[in-house]
N, C-alpha and C. Protein backbone atom coordinates (compact mmCIF):
# COMPACT_ATOMS: atom_id res chain seq x y z
N MET A 1 -122.20 -13.15 -70.13
CA MET A 1 -121.13 -14.23 -69.80
C MET A 1 -121.15 -15.54 -71.03
N ASP A 2 -120.04 -15.41 -71.84
CA ASP A 2 -119.94 -16.64 -72.96
C ASP A 2 -119.46 -17.34 -72.85
N ASP A 3 -119.96 -18.76 -72.60
CA ASP A 3 -119.85 -20.12 -72.71
C ASP A 3 -118.19 -20.39 -73.11
N ILE A 4 -117.15 -20.82 -72.40
CA ILE A 4 -115.95 -21.53 -72.95
C ILE A 4 -116.47 -22.70 -73.38
N PRO A 5 -115.86 -22.91 -75.16
CA PRO A 5 -115.84 -24.32 -75.63
C PRO A 5 -115.30 -24.96 -75.15
N ARG A 6 -115.98 -26.50 -74.95
CA ARG A 6 -115.20 -27.81 -74.68
C ARG A 6 -114.26 -27.98 -75.64
N THR A 7 -113.08 -28.43 -75.03
CA THR A 7 -111.61 -28.62 -75.61
C THR A 7 -112.06 -29.94 -75.83
N LYS A 8 -110.93 -30.72 -77.05
CA LYS A 8 -110.76 -32.53 -76.75
C LYS A 8 -109.89 -32.55 -75.69
N HIS A 9 -109.10 -31.78 -75.22
CA HIS A 9 -108.49 -32.56 -74.06
C HIS A 9 -109.40 -32.20 -73.11
N GLU A 10 -110.38 -31.57 -72.55
CA GLU A 10 -111.08 -31.62 -71.59
C GLU A 10 -112.22 -33.33 -72.00
N ALA A 11 -112.11 -33.36 -73.46
CA ALA A 11 -113.24 -34.79 -73.41
C ALA A 11 -112.24 -35.96 -73.01
N CYS A 12 -110.74 -35.98 -73.52
CA CYS A 12 -110.27 -37.01 -73.14
C CYS A 12 -110.37 -37.38 -71.92
N LEU A 13 -110.13 -36.09 -70.83
CA LEU A 13 -109.69 -36.16 -69.69
C LEU A 13 -110.87 -37.11 -68.92
N ASP A 14 -112.36 -36.14 -69.91
CA ASP A 14 -113.49 -36.98 -69.18
C ASP A 14 -113.49 -38.71 -69.19
N ALA A 15 -113.36 -39.20 -70.52
CA ALA A 15 -113.05 -40.20 -70.98
C ALA A 15 -112.35 -41.11 -70.26
N SER A 16 -111.22 -41.03 -70.18
CA SER A 16 -110.17 -41.45 -69.22
C SER A 16 -110.41 -41.50 -68.07
N TYR A 17 -111.11 -40.50 -67.17
CA TYR A 17 -111.14 -40.73 -65.98
C TYR A 17 -112.33 -42.17 -65.65
N ALA A 18 -113.23 -41.71 -67.07
CA ALA A 18 -114.40 -42.58 -66.55
C ALA A 18 -113.43 -44.57 -66.60
N ALA A 19 -112.77 -44.51 -67.68
CA ALA A 19 -112.02 -45.69 -67.92
C ALA A 19 -111.09 -46.12 -66.21
N GLN A 20 -110.60 -45.39 -65.75
CA GLN A 20 -109.85 -45.43 -64.43
C GLN A 20 -110.92 -45.52 -63.64
N LEU A 21 -111.95 -45.07 -63.47
CA LEU A 21 -113.35 -45.33 -62.84
C LEU A 21 -113.63 -46.62 -62.38
N HIS A 22 -113.55 -47.73 -63.76
CA HIS A 22 -113.92 -49.18 -64.07
C HIS A 22 -112.78 -50.14 -63.76
N LEU A 23 -111.34 -49.49 -63.77
CA LEU A 23 -110.44 -49.91 -63.56
C LEU A 23 -110.44 -50.54 -62.67
N LEU A 24 -110.26 -49.52 -61.53
CA LEU A 24 -110.53 -49.56 -59.77
C LEU A 24 -111.96 -50.45 -59.89
N HIS A 25 -112.96 -49.85 -60.20
CA HIS A 25 -113.97 -51.06 -59.32
C HIS A 25 -113.73 -52.60 -60.14
N ARG A 26 -112.93 -52.99 -61.39
CA ARG A 26 -112.79 -54.48 -62.03
C ARG A 26 -112.20 -55.02 -60.76
N CYS A 27 -110.67 -54.06 -60.13
CA CYS A 27 -109.71 -54.70 -59.69
C CYS A 27 -110.67 -54.88 -58.12
N ILE A 28 -111.13 -54.06 -57.70
CA ILE A 28 -111.66 -54.57 -56.31
C ILE A 28 -112.80 -55.67 -56.32
N TYR A 29 -113.82 -55.88 -57.46
CA TYR A 29 -114.15 -56.85 -57.12
C TYR A 29 -113.68 -58.16 -57.55
N ARG A 30 -112.86 -58.39 -58.52
CA ARG A 30 -111.81 -59.49 -58.54
C ARG A 30 -111.71 -59.97 -57.31
N ARG A 31 -110.54 -58.78 -56.84
CA ARG A 31 -110.12 -59.32 -55.18
C ARG A 31 -111.05 -59.61 -54.29
N VAL A 32 -112.04 -59.10 -54.11
CA VAL A 32 -113.09 -59.98 -53.37
C VAL A 32 -113.54 -60.94 -53.89
N ARG A 33 -113.77 -61.07 -54.79
CA ARG A 33 -114.10 -62.53 -55.29
C ARG A 33 -113.03 -63.64 -54.95
N THR A 34 -111.60 -62.97 -55.05
CA THR A 34 -110.89 -63.88 -54.90
C THR A 34 -110.58 -64.25 -53.50
N LEU A 35 -110.66 -63.48 -52.44
CA LEU A 35 -110.64 -63.31 -50.84
C LEU A 35 -111.66 -64.24 -50.76
N LEU A 36 -113.19 -63.99 -51.15
CA LEU A 36 -114.25 -64.99 -51.11
C LEU A 36 -114.12 -66.51 -50.81
N ALA A 37 -113.40 -66.48 -52.12
CA ALA A 37 -113.04 -67.70 -52.81
C ALA A 37 -112.08 -68.98 -52.52
N LEU A 38 -110.82 -67.75 -51.27
CA LEU A 38 -110.08 -68.24 -50.56
C LEU A 38 -110.30 -68.79 -49.40
N VAL A 39 -111.58 -67.99 -48.55
CA VAL A 39 -111.77 -68.30 -47.30
C VAL A 39 -112.83 -69.55 -47.46
N THR A 40 -113.46 -69.39 -48.57
CA THR A 40 -114.25 -70.45 -48.56
C THR A 40 -113.52 -72.28 -48.78
N VAL A 41 -113.26 -72.19 -49.14
CA VAL A 41 -111.74 -73.29 -49.96
C VAL A 41 -111.05 -73.44 -48.67
N ALA A 42 -110.81 -72.52 -48.02
CA ALA A 42 -109.70 -72.64 -46.81
C ALA A 42 -110.37 -73.11 -45.57
N ALA A 43 -111.12 -72.69 -45.15
CA ALA A 43 -112.14 -72.94 -44.57
C ALA A 43 -112.68 -74.54 -44.34
N GLY A 44 -113.17 -74.75 -45.77
CA GLY A 44 -114.01 -76.13 -45.81
C GLY A 44 -113.04 -77.20 -46.28
N THR A 45 -111.69 -77.15 -46.64
CA THR A 45 -111.19 -78.09 -46.41
C THR A 45 -111.05 -78.84 -44.91
N ALA A 46 -110.22 -79.78 -44.78
CA ALA A 46 -110.14 -81.35 -44.16
C ALA A 46 -109.22 -80.74 -43.53
N ALA A 47 -108.31 -80.08 -43.79
CA ALA A 47 -107.15 -80.27 -42.47
C ALA A 47 -107.33 -78.84 -41.71
N VAL A 48 -107.89 -77.97 -42.19
CA VAL A 48 -108.12 -77.07 -41.30
C VAL A 48 -109.53 -77.65 -40.62
N THR A 49 -110.68 -78.35 -40.98
CA THR A 49 -111.67 -78.96 -40.21
C THR A 49 -110.92 -79.57 -39.58
N SER A 50 -109.65 -80.64 -39.66
CA SER A 50 -109.12 -81.21 -38.32
C SER A 50 -108.75 -80.45 -37.46
N ALA A 51 -107.99 -79.73 -37.92
CA ALA A 51 -107.13 -78.42 -36.65
C ALA A 51 -108.71 -77.67 -35.82
N LEU A 52 -109.07 -77.69 -36.37
CA LEU A 52 -110.64 -76.57 -35.76
C LEU A 52 -111.20 -77.48 -34.75
N GLN A 53 -110.83 -78.72 -34.69
CA GLN A 53 -112.15 -79.86 -33.93
C GLN A 53 -111.24 -79.48 -32.64
N GLN A 54 -110.36 -79.19 -32.34
CA GLN A 54 -109.47 -79.29 -31.21
C GLN A 54 -110.21 -77.84 -30.52
N VAL A 55 -110.65 -76.62 -31.23
CA VAL A 55 -111.17 -75.31 -30.67
C VAL A 55 -112.51 -75.44 -30.36
N PRO A 56 -113.15 -75.19 -29.26
CA PRO A 56 -114.52 -75.51 -29.35
C PRO A 56 -115.52 -74.42 -29.78
N GLY A 57 -116.12 -75.05 -31.02
CA GLY A 57 -116.99 -74.40 -31.56
C GLY A 57 -116.53 -74.32 -32.95
N GLY A 58 -115.29 -74.75 -33.25
CA GLY A 58 -114.40 -74.15 -34.47
C GLY A 58 -114.92 -74.84 -35.76
N VAL A 59 -115.46 -76.01 -35.30
CA VAL A 59 -116.06 -76.30 -36.93
C VAL A 59 -117.30 -75.83 -37.41
N THR A 60 -117.99 -75.48 -35.99
CA THR A 60 -119.60 -74.66 -36.39
C THR A 60 -119.06 -73.52 -37.07
N ALA A 61 -117.30 -72.72 -36.60
CA ALA A 61 -117.58 -71.45 -36.85
C ALA A 61 -116.75 -71.08 -38.50
N ALA A 62 -116.16 -72.39 -38.50
CA ALA A 62 -115.80 -72.56 -40.22
C ALA A 62 -116.85 -73.26 -40.96
N ALA A 63 -118.01 -73.64 -40.86
CA ALA A 63 -119.48 -73.84 -41.44
C ALA A 63 -119.67 -73.12 -41.89
N ILE A 64 -120.43 -71.95 -40.87
CA ILE A 64 -120.57 -70.86 -40.88
C ILE A 64 -119.84 -69.75 -41.83
N LEU A 65 -118.62 -69.55 -41.99
CA LEU A 65 -118.19 -68.56 -42.52
C LEU A 65 -118.13 -69.43 -43.99
N VAL A 66 -117.85 -70.54 -44.54
CA VAL A 66 -118.03 -71.26 -45.41
C VAL A 66 -119.43 -70.29 -46.08
N ALA A 67 -120.53 -71.06 -45.69
CA ALA A 67 -121.88 -70.82 -45.57
C ALA A 67 -122.17 -69.33 -46.55
N LEU A 68 -121.53 -68.42 -44.94
CA LEU A 68 -121.98 -66.70 -45.49
C LEU A 68 -120.87 -66.38 -46.58
N CYS A 69 -119.57 -66.68 -46.79
CA CYS A 69 -118.88 -66.35 -48.16
C CYS A 69 -119.18 -66.73 -49.14
N GLY A 70 -119.98 -68.08 -49.52
CA GLY A 70 -120.97 -69.02 -50.70
C GLY A 70 -122.34 -67.83 -50.56
N THR A 71 -122.36 -67.60 -50.00
CA THR A 71 -123.89 -66.38 -50.07
C THR A 71 -123.87 -65.47 -50.41
N LEU A 72 -122.30 -64.89 -50.01
CA LEU A 72 -122.20 -63.67 -50.48
C LEU A 72 -121.60 -63.13 -51.88
N ASP A 73 -120.66 -64.68 -52.16
CA ASP A 73 -120.40 -64.68 -53.58
C ASP A 73 -121.65 -64.49 -54.32
N VAL A 74 -122.77 -65.29 -54.38
CA VAL A 74 -123.65 -65.88 -55.06
C VAL A 74 -124.57 -64.49 -54.90
N VAL A 75 -125.15 -63.99 -53.87
CA VAL A 75 -125.84 -62.78 -54.29
C VAL A 75 -125.18 -61.70 -54.55
N CYS A 76 -124.40 -61.14 -54.15
CA CYS A 76 -123.32 -60.37 -54.77
C CYS A 76 -122.98 -59.90 -56.47
N ASN A 77 -122.51 -61.49 -56.64
CA ASN A 77 -121.93 -61.60 -58.32
C ASN A 77 -121.07 -60.67 -58.33
N PHE A 78 -119.75 -61.05 -57.27
CA PHE A 78 -118.89 -59.66 -57.81
C PHE A 78 -117.93 -60.53 -59.33
N THR A 79 -117.78 -61.33 -59.48
CA THR A 79 -117.66 -61.70 -61.09
C THR A 79 -118.30 -61.18 -61.91
N GLU A 80 -119.66 -61.08 -61.95
CA GLU A 80 -120.36 -60.55 -63.17
C GLU A 80 -119.97 -59.09 -63.13
N LYS A 81 -120.10 -58.60 -61.87
CA LYS A 81 -119.69 -57.00 -61.66
C LYS A 81 -118.51 -56.58 -62.48
N ALA A 82 -116.92 -57.87 -61.81
CA ALA A 82 -115.91 -57.26 -62.72
C ALA A 82 -115.77 -57.38 -64.33
N VAL A 83 -116.85 -58.21 -64.63
CA VAL A 83 -116.96 -58.24 -65.89
C VAL A 83 -117.50 -57.16 -66.76
N LYS A 84 -118.26 -56.79 -66.04
CA LYS A 84 -119.10 -55.58 -66.75
C LYS A 84 -117.97 -54.81 -66.63
N HIS A 85 -117.62 -53.97 -65.47
CA HIS A 85 -116.86 -52.98 -65.57
C HIS A 85 -115.25 -53.03 -66.78
N GLU A 86 -114.93 -53.62 -66.66
CA GLU A 86 -113.92 -54.44 -67.43
C GLU A 86 -114.54 -54.25 -69.55
N LEU A 87 -115.67 -54.28 -69.97
CA LEU A 87 -116.12 -54.12 -70.95
C LEU A 87 -116.47 -52.62 -70.66
N LEU A 88 -116.66 -52.23 -69.67
CA LEU A 88 -116.94 -50.68 -69.98
C LEU A 88 -115.95 -49.68 -70.00
N ARG A 89 -114.79 -50.36 -69.16
CA ARG A 89 -113.16 -49.93 -69.59
C ARG A 89 -112.92 -49.78 -71.20
N LYS A 90 -113.09 -50.98 -71.49
CA LYS A 90 -112.77 -50.94 -72.84
C LYS A 90 -113.64 -50.14 -73.22
N GLU A 91 -115.00 -49.71 -73.68
CA GLU A 91 -115.88 -49.01 -74.35
C GLU A 91 -115.05 -47.82 -74.56
N TYR A 92 -114.83 -47.30 -73.34
CA TYR A 92 -113.98 -45.80 -72.70
C TYR A 92 -112.56 -46.13 -73.66
N VAL A 93 -112.05 -46.74 -73.62
CA VAL A 93 -110.62 -46.55 -74.41
C VAL A 93 -110.56 -46.88 -75.78
N ASP A 94 -112.00 -48.18 -76.13
CA ASP A 94 -111.91 -47.26 -77.84
C ASP A 94 -112.26 -46.11 -78.11
N LEU A 95 -113.32 -45.56 -77.22
CA LEU A 95 -113.96 -44.29 -77.52
C LEU A 95 -112.84 -43.12 -77.50
N LEU A 96 -111.50 -43.40 -76.94
CA LEU A 96 -110.37 -42.22 -76.45
C LEU A 96 -110.10 -42.50 -78.20
N ALA A 97 -110.10 -43.60 -78.45
CA ALA A 97 -108.79 -43.64 -79.73
C ALA A 97 -109.36 -43.36 -80.48
N ARG A 98 -110.66 -43.05 -81.12
CA ARG A 98 -111.29 -42.69 -82.02
C ARG A 98 -111.44 -40.93 -81.86
N LEU A 99 -110.64 -40.51 -80.46
CA LEU A 99 -111.42 -38.92 -80.50
C LEU A 99 -111.02 -38.38 -81.51
N ASP A 100 -109.89 -38.25 -81.94
CA ASP A 100 -108.77 -37.46 -83.03
C ASP A 100 -110.11 -37.45 -84.10
N ALA A 101 -110.99 -38.65 -84.62
CA ALA A 101 -111.72 -38.53 -86.05
C ALA A 101 -113.35 -38.02 -85.70
N MET A 102 -113.24 -37.62 -84.24
CA MET A 102 -114.89 -37.45 -84.06
C MET A 102 -114.82 -36.24 -83.77
N ASN A 103 -116.11 -35.38 -83.72
CA ASN A 103 -116.31 -34.44 -83.57
C ASN A 103 -117.21 -34.69 -81.57
N LEU A 104 -116.58 -33.16 -81.26
CA LEU A 104 -117.09 -33.30 -79.95
C LEU A 104 -118.80 -33.75 -79.47
N ALA A 105 -119.46 -33.31 -80.33
CA ALA A 105 -120.89 -33.82 -79.91
C ALA A 105 -121.03 -35.19 -80.28
N ASP A 106 -120.35 -36.00 -81.19
CA ASP A 106 -120.28 -37.04 -81.08
C ASP A 106 -119.97 -38.33 -80.34
N PHE A 107 -118.52 -37.29 -79.99
CA PHE A 107 -118.16 -38.45 -78.80
C PHE A 107 -118.47 -38.06 -77.61
N ASP A 108 -119.19 -36.98 -77.26
CA ASP A 108 -120.08 -36.75 -75.88
C ASP A 108 -120.91 -37.76 -75.80
N ALA A 109 -121.99 -37.90 -77.01
CA ALA A 109 -123.39 -38.54 -77.02
C ALA A 109 -122.85 -39.66 -77.18
N ILE A 110 -121.69 -40.33 -77.67
CA ILE A 110 -121.33 -41.97 -77.17
C ILE A 110 -120.81 -41.93 -75.86
N ARG A 111 -120.39 -41.07 -75.16
CA ARG A 111 -119.71 -41.11 -74.06
C ARG A 111 -120.51 -41.29 -72.73
N LEU A 112 -121.81 -40.50 -72.95
CA LEU A 112 -122.94 -40.60 -72.18
C LEU A 112 -123.81 -41.80 -72.51
N GLY A 113 -123.82 -41.84 -73.52
CA GLY A 113 -124.48 -42.98 -73.55
C GLY A 113 -123.93 -44.53 -72.80
N ILE A 114 -122.13 -44.38 -72.76
CA ILE A 114 -121.66 -45.23 -72.17
C ILE A 114 -122.16 -45.22 -70.69
N GLN A 115 -121.81 -44.05 -70.46
CA GLN A 115 -122.24 -43.81 -68.89
C GLN A 115 -123.28 -44.19 -68.40
N GLY A 116 -124.36 -44.15 -69.30
CA GLY A 116 -126.03 -44.39 -68.43
C GLY A 116 -125.82 -46.03 -68.47
N ARG A 117 -125.01 -46.66 -68.88
CA ARG A 117 -124.78 -48.24 -68.41
C ARG A 117 -124.14 -48.60 -67.13
N SER A 118 -123.51 -47.59 -66.79
CA SER A 118 -122.98 -47.44 -65.31
C SER A 118 -123.50 -47.11 -64.25
N ASP A 119 -123.59 -48.71 -63.68
CA ASP A 119 -124.90 -48.17 -62.39
C ASP A 119 -124.09 -48.93 -61.07
N ASN A 120 -124.38 -48.82 -59.74
CA ASN A 120 -123.77 -49.36 -58.22
C ASN A 120 -122.26 -48.69 -58.69
N LEU A 121 -121.93 -47.55 -58.62
CA LEU A 121 -120.31 -47.37 -58.33
C LEU A 121 -120.16 -46.61 -57.06
N ILE A 122 -119.01 -47.27 -56.80
CA ILE A 122 -118.72 -47.14 -55.77
C ILE A 122 -118.16 -45.84 -55.25
N THR A 123 -118.46 -44.79 -54.37
CA THR A 123 -118.87 -43.12 -54.55
C THR A 123 -117.02 -42.91 -53.93
N SER A 124 -116.32 -44.26 -53.30
CA SER A 124 -115.09 -43.81 -52.53
C SER A 124 -114.16 -43.66 -53.37
N LEU A 125 -114.44 -44.66 -54.59
CA LEU A 125 -113.26 -44.39 -55.47
C LEU A 125 -113.40 -43.57 -56.99
N SER A 126 -114.53 -42.81 -56.83
CA SER A 126 -114.62 -41.42 -57.60
C SER A 126 -113.38 -40.46 -57.22
N LEU A 127 -112.73 -40.20 -56.21
CA LEU A 127 -111.93 -39.39 -56.17
C LEU A 127 -110.36 -39.88 -56.29
N VAL A 128 -110.32 -41.40 -56.31
CA VAL A 128 -109.12 -42.14 -56.17
C VAL A 128 -108.83 -42.01 -58.15
N ALA A 129 -109.94 -42.63 -58.45
CA ALA A 129 -109.71 -42.36 -60.37
C ALA A 129 -109.69 -41.16 -60.90
N PHE A 130 -110.29 -40.07 -60.02
CA PHE A 130 -109.82 -38.62 -60.65
C PHE A 130 -108.78 -38.52 -60.38
N ASN A 131 -108.05 -38.79 -59.39
CA ASN A 131 -106.42 -38.46 -58.76
C ASN A 131 -105.42 -38.89 -60.08
N ASP A 132 -106.05 -40.20 -59.92
CA ASP A 132 -105.10 -40.89 -60.79
C ASP A 132 -105.13 -40.37 -62.25
N ASN A 133 -106.24 -39.95 -63.15
CA ASN A 133 -106.39 -39.74 -64.49
C ASN A 133 -105.51 -38.22 -64.56
N VAL A 134 -105.68 -37.32 -63.94
CA VAL A 134 -105.10 -35.70 -63.33
C VAL A 134 -103.66 -36.11 -63.76
N ARG A 135 -103.31 -37.27 -62.73
CA ARG A 135 -101.49 -37.27 -62.71
C ARG A 135 -101.28 -38.18 -63.88
N SER A 136 -102.17 -38.73 -64.15
CA SER A 136 -101.48 -39.64 -65.69
C SER A 136 -101.45 -38.52 -66.75
N ASN A 137 -102.26 -37.50 -66.97
CA ASN A 137 -102.39 -36.63 -67.88
C ASN A 137 -101.85 -35.31 -67.56
N GLY A 138 -100.56 -35.36 -66.37
CA GLY A 138 -99.64 -34.30 -66.45
C GLY A 138 -100.34 -32.98 -65.77
N HIS A 139 -101.15 -33.06 -64.47
CA HIS A 139 -102.11 -32.10 -64.21
C HIS A 139 -101.99 -32.39 -62.48
N GLU A 140 -100.76 -32.60 -61.98
CA GLU A 140 -100.39 -32.83 -60.84
C GLU A 140 -101.00 -32.01 -59.98
N ASP A 141 -100.88 -30.40 -60.33
CA ASP A 141 -101.77 -29.74 -59.19
C ASP A 141 -103.45 -29.68 -59.43
N TRP A 142 -104.03 -30.38 -60.10
CA TRP A 142 -105.36 -30.50 -59.71
C TRP A 142 -105.79 -31.60 -58.27
N VAL A 143 -104.63 -32.50 -58.53
CA VAL A 143 -105.26 -33.39 -57.69
C VAL A 143 -105.62 -32.84 -56.13
N ARG A 144 -106.80 -33.54 -55.75
CA ARG A 144 -107.44 -33.40 -54.23
C ARG A 144 -106.89 -34.03 -53.01
N PRO A 145 -107.22 -34.03 -51.69
CA PRO A 145 -106.24 -34.51 -50.81
C PRO A 145 -107.99 -36.04 -50.68
N GLU A 146 -107.51 -36.98 -50.83
CA GLU A 146 -108.59 -38.30 -50.42
C GLU A 146 -108.43 -38.63 -48.52
N ASN A 147 -109.72 -38.74 -48.45
CA ASN A 147 -110.20 -38.85 -47.04
C ASN A 147 -109.23 -40.47 -46.69
N ARG A 148 -109.99 -41.04 -45.57
CA ARG A 148 -109.07 -41.89 -45.06
C ARG A 148 -110.03 -43.32 -45.73
N MET A 149 -111.21 -43.26 -46.02
CA MET A 149 -112.33 -44.34 -47.06
C MET A 149 -111.10 -43.86 -47.76
N GLU A 150 -110.99 -43.15 -48.67
CA GLU A 150 -110.62 -43.07 -50.04
C GLU A 150 -109.14 -44.00 -50.39
N ARG A 151 -108.10 -43.27 -49.39
CA ARG A 151 -107.23 -44.25 -49.11
C ARG A 151 -107.07 -45.59 -49.28
N PHE A 152 -108.22 -46.37 -48.30
CA PHE A 152 -108.41 -47.37 -47.96
C PHE A 152 -108.82 -48.19 -49.50
N MET A 153 -109.45 -47.74 -49.89
CA MET A 153 -109.89 -47.97 -51.09
C MET A 153 -108.82 -48.05 -52.00
N ARG A 154 -108.46 -46.99 -52.26
CA ARG A 154 -107.10 -46.89 -52.86
C ARG A 154 -105.83 -48.53 -52.72
N ALA A 155 -106.04 -48.53 -51.71
CA ALA A 155 -105.34 -49.45 -50.92
C ALA A 155 -105.49 -51.02 -51.80
N VAL A 156 -107.04 -51.07 -51.69
CA VAL A 156 -107.59 -52.56 -51.80
C VAL A 156 -107.60 -52.90 -53.59
N ALA A 157 -107.69 -51.49 -53.94
CA ALA A 157 -107.75 -51.60 -55.64
C ALA A 157 -106.54 -51.55 -56.18
């Protein structure tokens, strides 16, 4: 059986999928970081603390919430992750712009190099990115059904 040669269209789909996947990651990490910042600031303000003094344990709960959100932000470093995914997305977009001038072997070598720097990907964003990619490239018939978690991640991203 002969192997069917890879086409530039397939290479384009691979790179645009990766760019979409990193875009979704960037959006998720930015939104989580924004949510943590809002909760930390809101729970730590004097107005909220004054209102929580009327609730038994309210001030303690707010203090724990501020500490927890601050710790999550520092430990998980969502801002750095968002920046990293934005840089990877830009590399894929730049690579796509050069596709016509490159041969497939060189294109795939560069694509695999970029892919090798992609770590800690959120699995439930993979199918979301796939579906977005095939829709935007005119392959609506390739769209696969998303499960509940994937639909949730789509809504968050």
